[in-house]
């Protein structure tokens, strides 16, 4: 994102850019889940990682394993919460 936005960009600026780019976000904080869920919009999609030890290697391993299973849901617009043992997906908009 730093190619397009300042490192001090607000959450809303990041969401707006993701919508414009039709990109999914990958985050470890819950702020984005709440912002997207309450927006009433169908995007951007979000992968919310809730890993105990989110090292770059672990994040890559988890994403490589789960992305094929959740790709269609993300393309339709959704929030995927991924933890050590489960994947939960909510389709957008959440009303």
PDB file of N, CA and C in Angstrom:
ATOM      1  N   UNK A   1       0.810  -1.196   0.000  1.00  0.00           N
ATOM      2  CA  UNK A   1       0.000   0.000   0.000  1.00  0.00           C
ATOM      3  C   UNK A   1       0.853   1.260   0.000  1.00  0.00           C
ATOM      4  N   UNK A   2       2.083   1.149   0.493  1.00  0.00           N
ATOM      5  CA  UNK A   2       2.900   2.360   0.571  1.00  0.00           C
ATOM      6  C   UNK A   2       3.294   2.885  -0.813  1.00  0.00           C
ATOM      7  N   UNK A   3       3.063   2.086  -1.853  1.00  0.00           N
ATOM      8  CA  UNK A   3       3.271   2.600  -3.216  1.00  0.00           C
ATOM      9  C   UNK A   3       2.239   3.674  -3.543  1.00  0.00           C
ATOM     10  N   UNK A   4       1.066   3.569  -2.927  1.00  0.00           N
ATOM     11  CA  UNK A   4      -0.060   4.436  -3.262  1.00  0.00           C
ATOM     12  C   UNK A   4      -0.429   5.427  -2.170  1.00  0.00           C
ATOM     13  N   UNK A   5      -0.144   5.069  -0.924  1.00  0.00           N
ATOM     14  CA  UNK A   5      -0.550   5.889   0.218  1.00  0.00           C
ATOM     15  C   UNK A   5       0.621   6.113   1.156  1.00  0.00           C
ATOM     16  N   UNK A   6       0.518   7.153   1.919  1.00  0.00           N
ATOM     17  CA  UNK A   6       1.497   7.445   2.956  1.00  0.00           C
ATOM     18  C   UNK A   6       1.430   6.370   4.034  1.00  0.00           C
ATOM     19  N   UNK A   7       2.543   6.073   4.687  1.00  0.00           N
ATOM     20  CA  UNK A   7       2.505   5.127   5.807  1.00  0.00           C
ATOM     21  C   UNK A   7       1.591   5.582   6.948  1.00  0.00           C
ATOM     22  N   UNK A   8       1.235   6.861   6.960  1.00  0.00           N
ATOM     23  CA  UNK A   8       0.338   7.372   8.002  1.00  0.00           C
ATOM     24  C   UNK A   8      -1.113   7.470   7.522  1.00  0.00           C
ATOM     25  N   UNK A   9      -1.433   6.814   6.411  1.00  0.00           N
ATOM     26  CA  UNK A   9      -2.796   6.860   5.870  1.00  0.00           C
ATOM     27  C   UNK A   9      -3.795   6.353   6.900  1.00  0.00           C
ATOM     28  N   UNK A  10      -4.976   6.941   6.876  1.00  0.00           N
ATOM     29  CA  UNK A  10      -6.038   6.514   7.790  1.00  0.00           C
ATOM     30  C   UNK A  10      -6.648   5.197   7.307  1.00  0.00           C
ATOM     31  N   UNK A  11      -7.356   4.529   8.206  1.00  0.00           N
ATOM     32  CA  UNK A  11      -8.060   3.300   7.830  1.00  0.00           C
ATOM     33  C   UNK A  11      -9.014   3.569   6.677  1.00  0.00           C
ATOM     34  N   UNK A  12      -9.715   4.693   6.706  1.00  0.00           N
ATOM     35  CA  UNK A  12     -10.675   5.014   5.650  1.00  0.00           C
ATOM     36  C   UNK A  12      -9.973   5.212   4.309  1.00  0.00           C
ATOM     37  N   UNK A  13      -8.801   5.837   4.317  1.00  0.00           N
ATOM     38  CA  UNK A  13      -8.041   6.008   3.074  1.00  0.00           C
ATOM     39  C   UNK A  13      -7.616   4.651   2.504  1.00  0.00           C
ATOM     40  N   UNK A  14      -7.232   3.750   3.381  1.00  0.00           N
ATOM     41  CA  UNK A  14      -6.847   2.403   2.937  1.00  0.00           C
ATOM     42  C   UNK A  14      -8.052   1.680   2.347  1.00  0.00           C
ATOM     43  N   UNK A  15      -9.202   1.777   3.010  1.00  0.00           N
ATOM     44  CA  UNK A  15     -10.420   1.149   2.485  1.00  0.00           C
ATOM     45  C   UNK A  15     -10.808   1.728   1.134  1.00  0.00           C
ATOM     46  N   UNK A  16     -10.740   3.037   1.007  1.00  0.00           N
ATOM     47  CA  UNK A  16     -11.094   3.669  -0.267  1.00  0.00           C
ATOM     48  C   UNK A  16     -10.182   3.204  -1.388  1.00  0.00           C
ATOM     49  N   UNK A  17      -8.888   3.104  -1.122  1.00  0.00           N
ATOM     50  CA  UNK A  17      -7.954   2.642  -2.148  1.00  0.00           C
ATOM     51  C   UNK A  17      -8.241   1.195  -2.523  1.00  0.00           C
ATOM     52  N   UNK A  18      -8.506   0.354  -1.536  1.00  0.00           N
ATOM     53  CA  UNK A  18      -8.824  -1.047  -1.823  1.00  0.00           C
ATOM     54  C   UNK A  18     -10.072  -1.153  -2.693  1.00  0.00           C
ATOM     55  N   UNK A  19     -11.074  -0.332  -2.426  1.00  0.00           N
ATOM     56  CA  UNK A  19     -12.280  -0.326  -3.273  1.00  0.00           C
ATOM     57  C   UNK A  19     -11.937   0.102  -4.691  1.00  0.00           C
ATOM     58  N   UNK A  20     -11.165   1.176  -4.833  1.00  0.00           N
ATOM     59  CA  UNK A  20     -10.794   1.677  -6.164  1.00  0.00           C
ATOM     60  C   UNK A  20      -9.989   0.636  -6.931  1.00  0.00           C
ATOM     61  N   UNK A  21      -9.097  -0.060  -6.260  1.00  0.00           N
ATOM     62  CA  UNK A  21      -8.235  -1.053  -6.904  1.00  0.00           C
ATOM     63  C   UNK A  21      -8.912  -2.425  -7.013  1.00  0.00           C
ATOM     64  N   UNK A  22     -10.114  -2.556  -6.450  1.00  0.00           N
ATOM     65  CA  UNK A  22     -10.822  -3.838  -6.377  1.00  0.00           C
ATOM     66  C   UNK A  22      -9.917  -4.905  -5.773  1.00  0.00           C
ATOM     67  N   UNK A  23      -9.276  -4.532  -4.668  1.00  0.00           N
ATOM     68  CA  UNK A  23      -8.323  -5.406  -3.986  1.00  0.00           C
ATOM     69  C   UNK A  23      -8.896  -5.869  -2.654  1.00  0.00           C
ATOM     70  N   UNK A  24      -8.479  -7.045  -2.239  1.00  0.00           N
ATOM     71  CA  UNK A  24      -8.809  -7.530  -0.903  1.00  0.00           C
ATOM     72  C   UNK A  24      -7.711  -7.069   0.054  1.00  0.00           C
ATOM     73  N   UNK A  25      -8.097  -6.841   1.286  1.00  0.00           N
ATOM     74  CA  UNK A  25      -7.147  -6.450   2.325  1.00  0.00           C
ATOM     75  C   UNK A  25      -6.812  -7.659   3.188  1.00  0.00           C
ATOM     76  N   UNK A  26      -5.585  -7.696   3.667  1.00  0.00           N
ATOM     77  CA  UNK A  26      -5.164  -8.710   4.628  1.00  0.00           C
ATOM     78  C   UNK A  26      -4.691  -7.950   5.853  1.00  0.00           C
ATOM     79  N   UNK A  27      -5.366  -8.171   6.968  1.00  0.00           N
ATOM     80  CA  UNK A  27      -5.067  -7.406   8.191  1.00  0.00           C
ATOM     81  C   UNK A  27      -5.073  -8.333   9.399  1.00  0.00           C
ATOM     82  N   UNK A  28      -4.415  -7.877  10.450  1.00  0.00           N
ATOM     83  CA  UNK A  28      -4.414  -8.616  11.710  1.00  0.00           C
ATOM     84  C   UNK A  28      -5.194  -7.888  12.792  1.00  0.00           C
ATOM     85  N   UNK A  29      -5.685  -6.680  12.493  1.00  0.00           N
ATOM     86  CA  UNK A  29      -6.461  -5.958  13.506  1.00  0.00           C
ATOM     87  C   UNK A  29      -7.943  -6.009  13.168  1.00  0.00           C
ATOM     88  N   UNK A  30      -8.771  -5.837  14.174  1.00  0.00           N
ATOM     89  CA  UNK A  30     -10.215  -5.966  13.988  1.00  0.00           C
ATOM     90  C   UNK A  30     -10.890  -4.682  13.529  1.00  0.00           C
ATOM     91  N   UNK A  31     -10.175  -3.571  13.529  1.00  0.00           N
ATOM     92  CA  UNK A  31     -10.773  -2.300  13.106  1.00  0.00           C
ATOM     93  C   UNK A  31     -11.362  -2.390  11.707  1.00  0.00           C
ATOM     94  N   UNK A  32     -10.643  -3.020  10.798  1.00  0.00           N
ATOM     95  CA  UNK A  32     -11.106  -3.087   9.418  1.00  0.00           C
ATOM     96  C   UNK A  32     -12.361  -3.941   9.297  1.00  0.00           C
ATOM     97  N   UNK A  33     -12.447  -5.014  10.056  1.00  0.00           N
ATOM     98  CA  UNK A  33     -13.667  -5.835  10.027  1.00  0.00           C
ATOM     99  C   UNK A  33     -14.874  -4.999  10.400  1.00  0.00           C
ATOM    100  N   UNK A  34     -14.753  -4.222  11.448  1.00  0.00           N
ATOM    101  CA  UNK A  34     -15.875  -3.387  11.890  1.00  0.00           C
ATOM    102  C   UNK A  34     -16.206  -2.317  10.867  1.00  0.00           C
ATOM    103  N   UNK A  35     -15.198  -1.667  10.315  1.00  0.00           N
ATOM    104  CA  UNK A  35     -15.445  -0.613   9.315  1.00  0.00           C
ATOM    105  C   UNK A  35     -16.148  -1.161   8.084  1.00  0.00           C
ATOM    106  N   UNK A  36     -15.690  -2.300   7.601  1.00  0.00           N
ATOM    107  CA  UNK A  36     -16.298  -2.894   6.406  1.00  0.00           C
ATOM    108  C   UNK A  36     -17.692  -3.409   6.716  1.00  0.00           C
ATOM    109  N   UNK A  37     -17.842  -4.081   7.846  1.00  0.00           N
ATOM    110  CA  UNK A  37     -19.139  -4.661   8.203  1.00  0.00           C
ATOM    111  C   UNK A  37     -20.210  -3.595   8.372  1.00  0.00           C
ATOM    112  N   UNK A  38     -19.860  -2.450   8.914  1.00  0.00           N
ATOM    113  CA  UNK A  38     -20.857  -1.405   9.153  1.00  0.00           C
ATOM    114  C   UNK A  38     -21.052  -0.464   7.966  1.00  0.00           C
ATOM    115  N   UNK A  39     -20.266  -0.647   6.911  1.00  0.00           N
ATOM    116  CA  UNK A  39     -20.367   0.258   5.760  1.00  0.00           C
ATOM    117  C   UNK A  39     -21.601  -0.006   4.908  1.00  0.00           C
ATOM    118  N   UNK A  40     -22.131  -1.222   4.961  1.00  0.00           N
ATOM    119  CA  UNK A  40     -23.269  -1.573   4.116  1.00  0.00           C
ATOM    120  C   UNK A  40     -22.877  -1.827   2.676  1.00  0.00           C
ATOM    121  N   UNK A  41     -21.597  -1.842   2.381  1.00  0.00           N
ATOM    122  CA  UNK A  41     -21.122  -2.045   1.012  1.00  0.00           C
ATOM    123  C   UNK A  41     -20.685  -3.488   0.803  1.00  0.00           C
ATOM    124  N   UNK A  42     -20.438  -3.839  -0.456  1.00  0.00           N
ATOM    125  CA  UNK A  42     -20.039  -5.202  -0.798  1.00  0.00           C
ATOM    126  C   UNK A  42     -18.526  -5.363  -0.894  1.00  0.00           C
ATOM    127  N   UNK A  43     -17.794  -4.362  -0.521  1.00  0.00           N
ATOM    128  CA  UNK A  43     -16.343  -4.487  -0.581  1.00  0.00           C
ATOM    129  C   UNK A  43     -15.680  -3.301   0.061  1.00  0.00           C
ATOM    130  N   UNK A  44     -14.408  -3.377   0.240  1.00  0.00           N
ATOM    131  CA  UNK A  44     -13.517  -4.436  -0.238  1.00  0.00           C
ATOM    132  C   UNK A  44     -13.611  -5.683   0.643  1.00  0.00           C
ATOM    133  N   UNK A  45     -13.194  -6.803   0.073  1.00  0.00           N
ATOM    134  CA  UNK A  45     -13.122  -8.027   0.859  1.00  0.00           C
ATOM    135  C   UNK A  45     -11.954  -7.921   1.829  1.00  0.00           C
ATOM    136  N   UNK A  46     -12.023  -8.725   2.875  1.00  0.00           N
ATOM    137  CA  UNK A  46     -11.014  -8.669   3.922  1.00  0.00           C
ATOM    138  C   UNK A  46     -10.666 -10.070   4.386  1.00  0.00           C
ATOM    139  N   UNK A  47      -9.380 -10.299   4.560  1.00  0.00           N
ATOM    140  CA  UNK A  47      -8.898 -11.489   5.244  1.00  0.00           C
ATOM    141  C   UNK A  47      -8.378 -10.997   6.587  1.00  0.00           C
ATOM    142  N   UNK A  48      -9.037 -11.415   7.645  1.00  0.00           N
ATOM    143  CA  UNK A  48      -8.651 -11.029   8.997  1.00  0.00           C
ATOM    144  C   UNK A  48      -7.887 -12.192   9.620  1.00  0.00           C
ATOM    145  N   UNK A  49      -6.575 -12.013   9.758  1.00  0.00           N
ATOM    146  CA  UNK A  49      -5.736 -13.070  10.313  1.00  0.00           C
ATOM    147  C   UNK A  49      -5.675 -12.943  11.819  1.00  0.00           C
ATOM    148  N   UNK A  50      -5.988 -14.023  12.498  1.00  0.00           N
ATOM    149  CA  UNK A  50      -5.974 -14.031  13.960  1.00  0.00           C
ATOM    150  C   UNK A  50      -5.076 -15.169  14.422  1.00  0.00           C
ATOM    151  N   UNK A  51      -3.804 -15.045  14.069  1.00  0.00           N
ATOM    152  CA  UNK A  51      -2.826 -16.082  14.367  1.00  0.00           C
ATOM    153  C   UNK A  51      -2.054 -15.721  15.629  1.00  0.00           C
ATOM    154  N   UNK A  52      -1.729 -16.734  16.423  1.00  0.00           N
ATOM    155  CA  UNK A  52      -1.000 -16.501  17.665  1.00  0.00           C
ATOM    156  C   UNK A  52       0.405 -15.969  17.398  1.00  0.00           C
ATOM    157  N   UNK A  53       1.078 -16.513  16.407  1.00  0.00           N
ATOM    158  CA  UNK A  53       2.444 -16.112  16.076  1.00  0.00           C
ATOM    159  C   UNK A  53       2.524 -15.820  14.576  1.00  0.00           C
ATOM    160  N   UNK A  54       2.114 -14.627  14.159  1.00  0.00           N
ATOM    161  CA  UNK A  54       2.022 -14.312  12.724  1.00  0.00           C
ATOM    162  C   UNK A  54       3.367 -13.923  12.092  1.00  0.00           C
ATOM    163  N   UNK A  55       4.304 -14.853  12.081  1.00  0.00           N
ATOM    164  CA  UNK A  55       5.565 -14.591  11.403  1.00  0.00           C
ATOM    165  C   UNK A  55       5.315 -14.541   9.895  1.00  0.00           C
ATOM    166  N   UNK A  56       6.176 -13.904   9.134  1.00  0.00           N
ATOM    167  CA  UNK A  56       5.969 -13.886   7.671  1.00  0.00           C
ATOM    168  C   UNK A  56       5.840 -15.294   7.082  1.00  0.00           C
ATOM    169  N   UNK A  57       6.623 -16.224   7.589  1.00  0.00           N
ATOM    170  CA  UNK A  57       6.552 -17.592   7.074  1.00  0.00           C
ATOM    171  C   UNK A  57       5.209 -18.240   7.396  1.00  0.00           C
ATOM    172  N   UNK A  58       4.728 -18.034   8.620  1.00  0.00           N
ATOM    173  CA  UNK A  58       3.447 -18.618   9.036  1.00  0.00           C
ATOM    174  C   UNK A  58       2.289 -18.005   8.259  1.00  0.00           C
ATOM    175  N   UNK A  59       2.307 -16.688   8.082  1.00  0.00           N
ATOM    176  CA  UNK A  59       1.248 -16.020   7.319  1.00  0.00           C
ATOM    177  C   UNK A  59       1.226 -16.549   5.892  1.00  0.00           C
ATOM    178  N   UNK A  60       2.393 -16.674   5.272  1.00  0.00           N
ATOM    179  CA  UNK A  60       2.469 -17.203   3.902  1.00  0.00           C
ATOM    180  C   UNK A  60       1.918 -18.617   3.842  1.00  0.00           C
ATOM    181  N   UNK A  61       2.297 -19.449   4.792  1.00  0.00           N
ATOM    182  CA  UNK A  61       1.813 -20.837   4.832  1.00  0.00           C
ATOM    183  C   UNK A  61       0.290 -20.886   4.932  1.00  0.00           C
ATOM    184  N   UNK A  62      -0.263 -20.100   5.836  1.00  0.00           N
ATOM    185  CA  UNK A  62      -1.718 -20.096   6.033  1.00  0.00           C
ATOM    186  C   UNK A  62      -2.423 -19.583   4.775  1.00  0.00           C
ATOM    187  N   UNK A  63      -1.948 -18.484   4.207  1.00  0.00           N
ATOM    188  CA  UNK A  63      -2.597 -17.941   3.012  1.00  0.00           C
ATOM    189  C   UNK A  63      -2.528 -18.903   1.839  1.00  0.00           C
ATOM    190  N   UNK A  64      -1.397 -19.552   1.641  1.00  0.00           N
ATOM    191  CA  UNK A  64      -1.290 -20.525   0.545  1.00  0.00           C
ATOM    192  C   UNK A  64      -2.261 -21.677   0.729  1.00  0.00           C
ATOM    193  N   UNK A  65      -2.513 -22.051   1.963  1.00  0.00           N
ATOM    194  CA  UNK A  65      -3.420 -23.164   2.251  1.00  0.00           C
ATOM    195  C   UNK A  65      -4.882 -22.769   2.087  1.00  0.00           C
ATOM    196  N   UNK A  66      -5.255 -21.564   2.530  1.00  0.00           N
ATOM    197  CA  UNK A  66      -6.681 -21.222   2.569  1.00  0.00           C
ATOM    198  C   UNK A  66      -7.183 -20.428   1.360  1.00  0.00           C
ATOM    199  N   UNK A  67      -6.319 -19.690   0.685  1.00  0.00           N
ATOM    200  CA  UNK A  67      -6.808 -18.856  -0.423  1.00  0.00           C
ATOM    201  C   UNK A  67      -7.580 -19.631  -1.482  1.00  0.00           C
ATOM    202  N   UNK A  68      -7.130 -20.808  -1.905  1.00  0.00           N
ATOM    203  CA  UNK A  68      -7.932 -21.532  -2.900  1.00  0.00           C
ATOM    204  C   UNK A  68      -9.342 -21.861  -2.405  1.00  0.00           C
ATOM    205  N   UNK A  69      -9.501 -22.066  -1.094  1.00  0.00           N
ATOM    206  CA  UNK A  69     -10.806 -22.409  -0.527  1.00  0.00           C
ATOM    207  C   UNK A  69     -11.725 -21.211  -0.371  1.00  0.00           C
ATOM    208  N   UNK A  70     -11.167 -20.001  -0.257  1.00  0.00           N
ATOM    209  CA  UNK A  70     -12.012 -18.830   0.006  1.00  0.00           C
ATOM    210  C   UNK A  70     -12.032 -17.825  -1.143  1.00  0.00           C
ATOM    211  N   UNK A  71     -11.319 -18.108  -2.215  1.00  0.00           N
ATOM    212  CA  UNK A  71     -11.202 -17.155  -3.316  1.00  0.00           C
ATOM    213  C   UNK A  71     -12.553 -16.724  -3.869  1.00  0.00           C
ATOM    214  N   UNK A  72     -13.439 -17.656  -4.132  1.00  0.00           N
ATOM    215  CA  UNK A  72     -14.744 -17.303  -4.703  1.00  0.00           C
ATOM    216  C   UNK A  72     -15.538 -16.413  -3.747  1.00  0.00           C
ATOM    217  N   UNK A  73     -15.474 -16.700  -2.455  1.00  0.00           N
ATOM    218  CA  UNK A  73     -16.177 -15.870  -1.467  1.00  0.00           C
ATOM    219  C   UNK A  73     -15.627 -14.455  -1.460  1.00  0.00           C
ATOM    220  N   UNK A  74     -14.318 -14.317  -1.554  1.00  0.00           N
ATOM    221  CA  UNK A  74     -13.703 -12.993  -1.564  1.00  0.00           C
ATOM    222  C   UNK A  74     -14.046 -12.238  -2.849  1.00  0.00           C
ATOM    223  N   UNK A  75     -14.113 -12.936  -3.952  1.00  0.00           N
ATOM    224  CA  UNK A  75     -14.460 -12.287  -5.218  1.00  0.00           C
ATOM    225  C   UNK A  75     -15.888 -11.744  -5.192  1.00  0.00           C
ATOM    226  N   UNK A  76     -16.783 -12.401  -4.451  1.00  0.00           N
ATOM    227  CA  UNK A  76     -18.170 -11.926  -4.318  1.00  0.00           C
ATOM    228  C   UNK A  76     -18.282 -10.811  -3.288  1.00  0.00           C
ATOM    229  N   UNK A  77     -17.291 -10.680  -2.431  1.00  0.00           N
ATOM    230  CA  UNK A  77     -17.309  -9.686  -1.360  1.00  0.00           C
ATOM    231  C   UNK A  77     -17.575 -10.345  -0.029  1.00  0.00           C
ATOM    232  N   UNK A  78     -16.554 -10.417   0.798  1.00  0.00           N
ATOM    233  CA  UNK A  78     -16.742 -11.060   2.086  1.00  0.00           C
ATOM    234  C   UNK A  78     -15.616 -10.758   3.050  1.00  0.00           C
ATOM    235  N   UNK A  79     -15.858 -11.129   4.286  1.00  0.00           N
ATOM    236  CA  UNK A  79     -14.851 -11.025   5.334  1.00  0.00           C
ATOM    237  C   UNK A  79     -14.530 -12.442   5.785  1.00  0.00           C
ATOM    238  N   UNK A  80     -13.274 -12.825   5.638  1.00  0.00           N
ATOM    239  CA  UNK A  80     -12.825 -14.143   6.073  1.00  0.00           C
ATOM    240  C   UNK A  80     -11.984 -13.970   7.332  1.00  0.00           C
ATOM    241  N   UNK A  81     -12.410 -14.594   8.420  1.00  0.00           N
ATOM    242  CA  UNK A  81     -11.644 -14.589   9.667  1.00  0.00           C
ATOM    243  C   UNK A  81     -10.934 -15.932   9.768  1.00  0.00           C
ATOM    244  N   UNK A  82      -9.618 -15.863   9.869  1.00  0.00           N
ATOM    245  CA  UNK A  82      -8.817 -17.085   9.869  1.00  0.00           C
ATOM    246  C   UNK A  82      -8.012 -17.135  11.158  1.00  0.00           C
ATOM    247  N   UNK A  83      -8.186 -18.237  11.905  1.00  0.00           N
ATOM    248  CA  UNK A  83      -7.354 -18.433  13.085  1.00  0.00           C
ATOM    249  C   UNK A  83      -6.619 -19.758  12.940  1.00  0.00           C
ATOM    250  N   UNK A  84      -6.034 -20.221  14.003  1.00  0.00           N
ATOM    251  CA  UNK A  84      -5.205 -21.426  13.945  1.00  0.00           C
ATOM    252  C   UNK A  84      -5.973 -22.674  13.507  1.00  0.00           C
ATOM    253  N   UNK A  85      -7.282 -22.712  13.773  1.00  0.00           N
ATOM    254  CA  UNK A  85      -8.014 -23.952  13.514  1.00  0.00           C
ATOM    255  C   UNK A  85      -9.281 -23.793  12.683  1.00  0.00           C
ATOM    256  N   UNK A  86      -9.621 -22.560  12.289  1.00  0.00           N
ATOM    257  CA  UNK A  86     -10.875 -22.417  11.562  1.00  0.00           C
ATOM    258  C   UNK A  86     -10.862 -21.236  10.604  1.00  0.00           C
ATOM    259  N   UNK A  87     -11.821 -21.295   9.689  1.00  0.00           N
ATOM    260  CA  UNK A  87     -12.063 -20.205   8.741  1.00  0.00           C
ATOM    261  C   UNK A  87     -13.548 -19.883   8.828  1.00  0.00           C
ATOM    262  N   UNK A  88     -13.864 -18.618   9.055  1.00  0.00           N
ATOM    263  CA  UNK A  88     -15.255 -18.172   9.067  1.00  0.00           C
ATOM    264  C   UNK A  88     -15.404 -17.087   8.011  1.00  0.00           C
ATOM    265  N   UNK A  89     -16.465 -17.192   7.204  1.00  0.00           N
ATOM    266  CA  UNK A  89     -16.678 -16.224   6.130  1.00  0.00           C
ATOM    267  C   UNK A  89     -18.068 -15.632   6.274  1.00  0.00           C
ATOM    268  N   UNK A  90     -18.117 -14.301   6.191  1.00  0.00           N
ATOM    269  CA  UNK A  90     -19.399 -13.579   6.169  1.00  0.00           C
ATOM    270  C   UNK A  90     -19.456 -12.821   4.853  1.00  0.00           C
ATOM    271  N   UNK A  91     -20.516 -13.018   4.134  1.00  0.00           N
ATOM    272  CA  UNK A  91     -20.685 -12.314   2.857  1.00  0.00           C
ATOM    273  C   UNK A  91     -21.100 -10.872   3.117  1.00  0.00           C
ATOM    274  N   UNK A  92     -20.659  -9.995   2.257  1.00  0.00           N
ATOM    275  CA  UNK A  92     -21.009  -8.577   2.317  1.00  0.00           C
ATOM    276  C   UNK A  92     -22.150  -8.304   1.354  1.00  0.00           C
ATOM    277  N   UNK A  93     -22.986  -7.343   1.618  1.00  0.00           N
ATOM    278  CA  UNK A  93     -22.981  -6.493   2.794  1.00  0.00           C
ATOM    279  C   UNK A  93     -23.562  -7.228   4.007  1.00  0.00           C
ATOM    280  N   UNK A  94     -23.107  -6.820   5.172  1.00  0.00           N
ATOM    281  CA  UNK A  94     -23.638  -7.364   6.424  1.00  0.00           C
ATOM    282  C   UNK A  94     -24.655  -6.342   6.917  1.00  0.00           C
ATOM    283  N   UNK A  95     -25.894  -6.768   6.964  1.00  0.00           N
ATOM    284  CA  UNK A  95     -26.972  -5.836   7.345  1.00  0.00           C
ATOM    285  C   UNK A  95     -27.543  -6.178   8.701  1.00  0.00           C
TER     286      UNK A  95
END
